[in-house]
Amino acid sequence: VQLQASGGGLGQPGGSQGLSCAASGNTFAFAIMGWYRQAPGKQRELVAMITRGGSPNYADSVKGRFTIARDNARNTVYLHMNNLKTEDTAVYYCHAEDIFGRTGPGSWGQGTLVTVSS
């Protein structure tokens, strides 16, 4: 699997940003796709994941603010981030799993930095 993420950058509190991640390779390996993030000095944590069927799973900290979507024809997952908070500042990593939650080579994309600051 290869994951190519794009988006991110500097945003303001209360603002919006979007991330996208395109997958290629064995389609079974990215049955579930989504995002994790890692803030400075903290462990990597789940942000949101979505199945090929469109069922999402969100971290409590982003529910109601972030929306994850998926375009299976393009093997691409999107994260729409609204009402950004300074605590959303982190490196965001695209992640892929098979239907059993297993990961393999390439299951983590390169990180993309999101900075929320006034």
C-alpha atoms as a PDB file:
ATOM      1  CA  VAL A   1       0.000   0.000   0.000  1.00  0.00           C
ATOM      2  CA  GLN A   2       1.050   3.543  -0.698  1.00  0.00           C
ATOM      3  CA  LEU A   3      -0.658   6.480   0.957  1.00  0.00           C
ATOM      4  CA  GLN A   4      -0.215  10.011  -0.357  1.00  0.00           C
ATOM      5  CA  ALA A   5      -1.561  12.717   1.884  1.00  0.00           C
ATOM      6  CA  SER A   6      -2.068  16.368   1.087  1.00  0.00           C
ATOM      7  CA  GLY A   7      -3.458  19.443   2.778  1.00  0.00           C
ATOM      8  CA  GLY A   8      -2.771  20.924   6.152  1.00  0.00           C
ATOM      9  CA  GLY A   9      -0.883  24.057   7.011  1.00  0.00           C
ATOM     10  CA  LEU A  10      -1.719  27.023   9.182  1.00  0.00           C
ATOM     11  CA  GLY A  11      -5.262  27.714  10.307  1.00  0.00           C
ATOM     12  CA  GLN A  12      -6.967  29.976  12.788  1.00  0.00           C
ATOM     13  CA  PRO A  13      -9.119  28.990  15.767  1.00  0.00           C
ATOM     14  CA  GLY A  14     -12.669  28.607  14.584  1.00  0.00           C
ATOM     15  CA  GLY A  15     -11.520  28.142  11.027  1.00  0.00           C
ATOM     16  CA  SER A  16     -11.582  25.184   8.674  1.00  0.00           C
ATOM     17  CA  GLN A  17      -9.082  23.015   6.882  1.00  0.00           C
ATOM     18  CA  GLY A  18      -9.135  19.901   4.791  1.00  0.00           C
ATOM     19  CA  LEU A  19      -6.895  16.903   4.346  1.00  0.00           C
ATOM     20  CA  SER A  20      -6.953  14.222   1.699  1.00  0.00           C
ATOM     21  CA  CYS A  21      -5.184  10.917   1.302  1.00  0.00           C
ATOM     22  CA  ALA A  22      -5.034   8.778  -1.816  1.00  0.00           C
ATOM     23  CA  ALA A  23      -4.279   5.079  -1.562  1.00  0.00           C
ATOM     24  CA  SER A  24      -2.811   2.759  -4.152  1.00  0.00           C
ATOM     25  CA  GLY A  25      -1.863  -0.888  -4.187  1.00  0.00           C
ATOM     26  CA  ASN A  26      -3.720  -3.868  -2.777  1.00  0.00           C
ATOM     27  CA  THR A  27      -7.280  -2.643  -2.209  1.00  0.00           C
ATOM     28  CA  PHE A  28      -7.826  -5.195   0.553  1.00  0.00           C
ATOM     29  CA  ALA A  29      -5.122  -3.424   2.544  1.00  0.00           C
ATOM     30  CA  PHE A  30      -7.079  -0.179   2.703  1.00  0.00           C
ATOM     31  CA  ALA A  31     -10.587  -1.406   3.413  1.00  0.00           C
ATOM     32  CA  ILE A  32     -10.550   0.992   6.349  1.00  0.00           C
ATOM     33  CA  MET A  33      -8.865   4.358   5.984  1.00  0.00           C
ATOM     34  CA  GLY A  34      -8.523   7.439   8.058  1.00  0.00           C
ATOM     35  CA  TRP A  35      -6.401   9.677  10.166  1.00  0.00           C
ATOM     36  CA  TYR A  36      -4.378   9.660  13.325  1.00  0.00           C
ATOM     37  CA  ARG A  37      -2.536  12.625  14.787  1.00  0.00           C
ATOM     38  CA  GLN A  38       0.394  13.261  17.068  1.00  0.00           C
ATOM     39  CA  ALA A  39       0.856  16.491  18.941  1.00  0.00           C
ATOM     40  CA  PRO A  40       4.243  17.500  20.351  1.00  0.00           C
ATOM     41  CA  GLY A  41       5.058  15.475  23.426  1.00  0.00           C
ATOM     42  CA  LYS A  42       1.989  13.285  23.072  1.00  0.00           C
ATOM     43  CA  GLN A  43       1.204   9.844  21.769  1.00  0.00           C
ATOM     44  CA  ARG A  44      -0.341   9.261  18.390  1.00  0.00           C
ATOM     45  CA  GLU A  45      -4.115   9.148  18.662  1.00  0.00           C
ATOM     46  CA  LEU A  46      -7.063   8.267  16.503  1.00  0.00           C
ATOM     47  CA  VAL A  47      -8.854  11.129  14.792  1.00  0.00           C
ATOM     48  CA  ALA A  48     -11.308   9.375  12.492  1.00  0.00           C
ATOM     49  CA  MET A  49     -11.531   6.245  10.380  1.00  0.00           C
ATOM     50  CA  ILE A  50     -14.052   5.153   7.780  1.00  0.00           C
ATOM     51  CA  THR A  51     -14.851   1.824   6.190  1.00  0.00           C
ATOM     52  CA  ARG A  52     -15.256   1.226   2.487  1.00  0.00           C
ATOM     53  CA  GLY A  53     -18.972   1.053   3.185  1.00  0.00           C
ATOM     54  CA  GLY A  54     -18.922   4.554   4.635  1.00  0.00           C
ATOM     55  CA  SER A  55     -19.212   3.841   8.346  1.00  0.00           C
ATOM     56  CA  PRO A  56     -17.199   6.421  10.288  1.00  0.00           C
ATOM     57  CA  ASN A  57     -15.589   6.300  13.696  1.00  0.00           C
ATOM     58  CA  TYR A  58     -14.542   9.527  15.402  1.00  0.00           C
ATOM     59  CA  ALA A  59     -12.517  10.429  18.429  1.00  0.00           C
ATOM     60  CA  ASP A  60     -14.690  12.157  21.010  1.00  0.00           C
ATOM     61  CA  SER A  61     -12.502  15.248  20.782  1.00  0.00           C
ATOM     62  CA  VAL A  62     -13.447  15.863  17.146  1.00  0.00           C
ATOM     63  CA  LYS A  63     -17.067  14.692  17.017  1.00  0.00           C
ATOM     64  CA  GLY A  64     -19.310  17.390  15.637  1.00  0.00           C
ATOM     65  CA  ARG A  65     -16.370  19.340  14.236  1.00  0.00           C
ATOM     66  CA  PHE A  66     -14.596  16.971  11.868  1.00  0.00           C
ATOM     67  CA  THR A  67     -16.139  14.969   9.053  1.00  0.00           C
ATOM     68  CA  ILE A  68     -14.496  12.055   7.314  1.00  0.00           C
ATOM     69  CA  ALA A  69     -15.581  11.010   3.852  1.00  0.00           C
ATOM     70  CA  ARG A  70     -14.411   8.534   1.296  1.00  0.00           C
ATOM     71  CA  ASP A  71     -14.441   8.251  -2.473  1.00  0.00           C
ATOM     72  CA  ASN A  72     -13.967   4.585  -3.294  1.00  0.00           C
ATOM     73  CA  ALA A  73     -13.675   5.241  -7.023  1.00  0.00           C
ATOM     74  CA  ARG A  74     -10.620   7.384  -6.312  1.00  0.00           C
ATOM     75  CA  ASN A  75      -9.393   5.356  -3.321  1.00  0.00           C
ATOM     76  CA  THR A  76      -9.263   8.635  -1.460  1.00  0.00           C
ATOM     77  CA  VAL A  77     -10.290   9.638   2.037  1.00  0.00           C
ATOM     78  CA  TYR A  78     -10.990  13.200   3.086  1.00  0.00           C
ATOM     79  CA  LEU A  79     -11.021  14.902   6.458  1.00  0.00           C
ATOM     80  CA  HIS A  80     -12.961  18.143   6.726  1.00  0.00           C
ATOM     81  CA  MET A  81     -12.013  19.982   9.882  1.00  0.00           C
ATOM     82  CA  ASN A  82     -14.302  22.741  11.111  1.00  0.00           C
ATOM     83  CA  ASN A  83     -14.263  24.928  14.191  1.00  0.00           C
ATOM     84  CA  LEU A  84     -10.565  24.283  14.643  1.00  0.00           C
ATOM     85  CA  LYS A  85      -9.058  24.575  18.101  1.00  0.00           C
ATOM     86  CA  THR A  86      -5.461  25.188  19.098  1.00  0.00           C
ATOM     87  CA  GLU A  87      -5.394  21.685  20.545  1.00  0.00           C
ATOM     88  CA  ASP A  88      -5.950  20.308  17.041  1.00  0.00           C
ATOM     89  CA  THR A  89      -2.377  21.308  16.245  1.00  0.00           C
ATOM     90  CA  ALA A  90      -0.535  18.126  15.376  1.00  0.00           C
ATOM     91  CA  VAL A  91       1.040  16.093  12.644  1.00  0.00           C
ATOM     92  CA  TYR A  92      -1.773  14.200  10.947  1.00  0.00           C
ATOM     93  CA  TYR A  93      -1.055  10.751   9.544  1.00  0.00           C
ATOM     94  CA  CYS A  94      -3.133   8.939   6.985  1.00  0.00           C
ATOM     95  CA  HIS A  95      -3.634   5.306   7.971  1.00  0.00           C
ATOM     96  CA  ALA A  96      -5.043   2.200   6.294  1.00  0.00           C
ATOM     97  CA  GLU A  97      -6.130  -1.199   7.586  1.00  0.00           C
ATOM     98  CA  ASP A  98      -7.697  -4.303   6.126  1.00  0.00           C
ATOM     99  CA  ILE A  99     -11.156  -5.461   7.189  1.00  0.00           C
ATOM    100  CA  PHE A 100      -9.644  -7.265  10.167  1.00  0.00           C
ATOM    101  CA  GLY A 101      -7.830  -4.171  11.391  1.00  0.00           C
ATOM    102  CA  ARG A 102      -4.447  -5.466  10.309  1.00  0.00           C
ATOM    103  CA  THR A 103      -1.725  -3.254   8.954  1.00  0.00           C
ATOM    104  CA  GLY A 104       1.236  -3.890   6.738  1.00  0.00           C
ATOM    105  CA  PRO A 105       4.003  -2.113   4.858  1.00  0.00           C
ATOM    106  CA  GLY A 106       2.971   1.349   3.824  1.00  0.00           C
ATOM    107  CA  SER A 107      -0.042   1.510   6.133  1.00  0.00           C
ATOM    108  CA  TRP A 108       1.057   4.917   7.401  1.00  0.00           C
ATOM    109  CA  GLY A 109       1.349   7.884   5.091  1.00  0.00           C
ATOM    110  CA  GLN A 110       3.767  10.707   5.510  1.00  0.00           C
ATOM    111  CA  GLY A 111       2.636  13.131   8.146  1.00  0.00           C
ATOM    112  CA  THR A 112       1.167  16.488   7.309  1.00  0.00           C
ATOM    113  CA  LEU A 113       1.352  19.306   9.826  1.00  0.00           C
ATOM    114  CA  VAL A 114      -1.747  21.176  10.885  1.00  0.00           C
ATOM    115  CA  THR A 115      -1.104  24.243  12.990  1.00  0.00           C
ATOM    116  CA  VAL A 116      -3.971  26.142  14.580  1.00  0.00           C
ATOM    117  CA  SER A 117      -2.924  29.484  15.909  1.00  0.00           C
ATOM    118  CA  SER A 118      -4.177  33.036  16.075  1.00  0.00           C
END
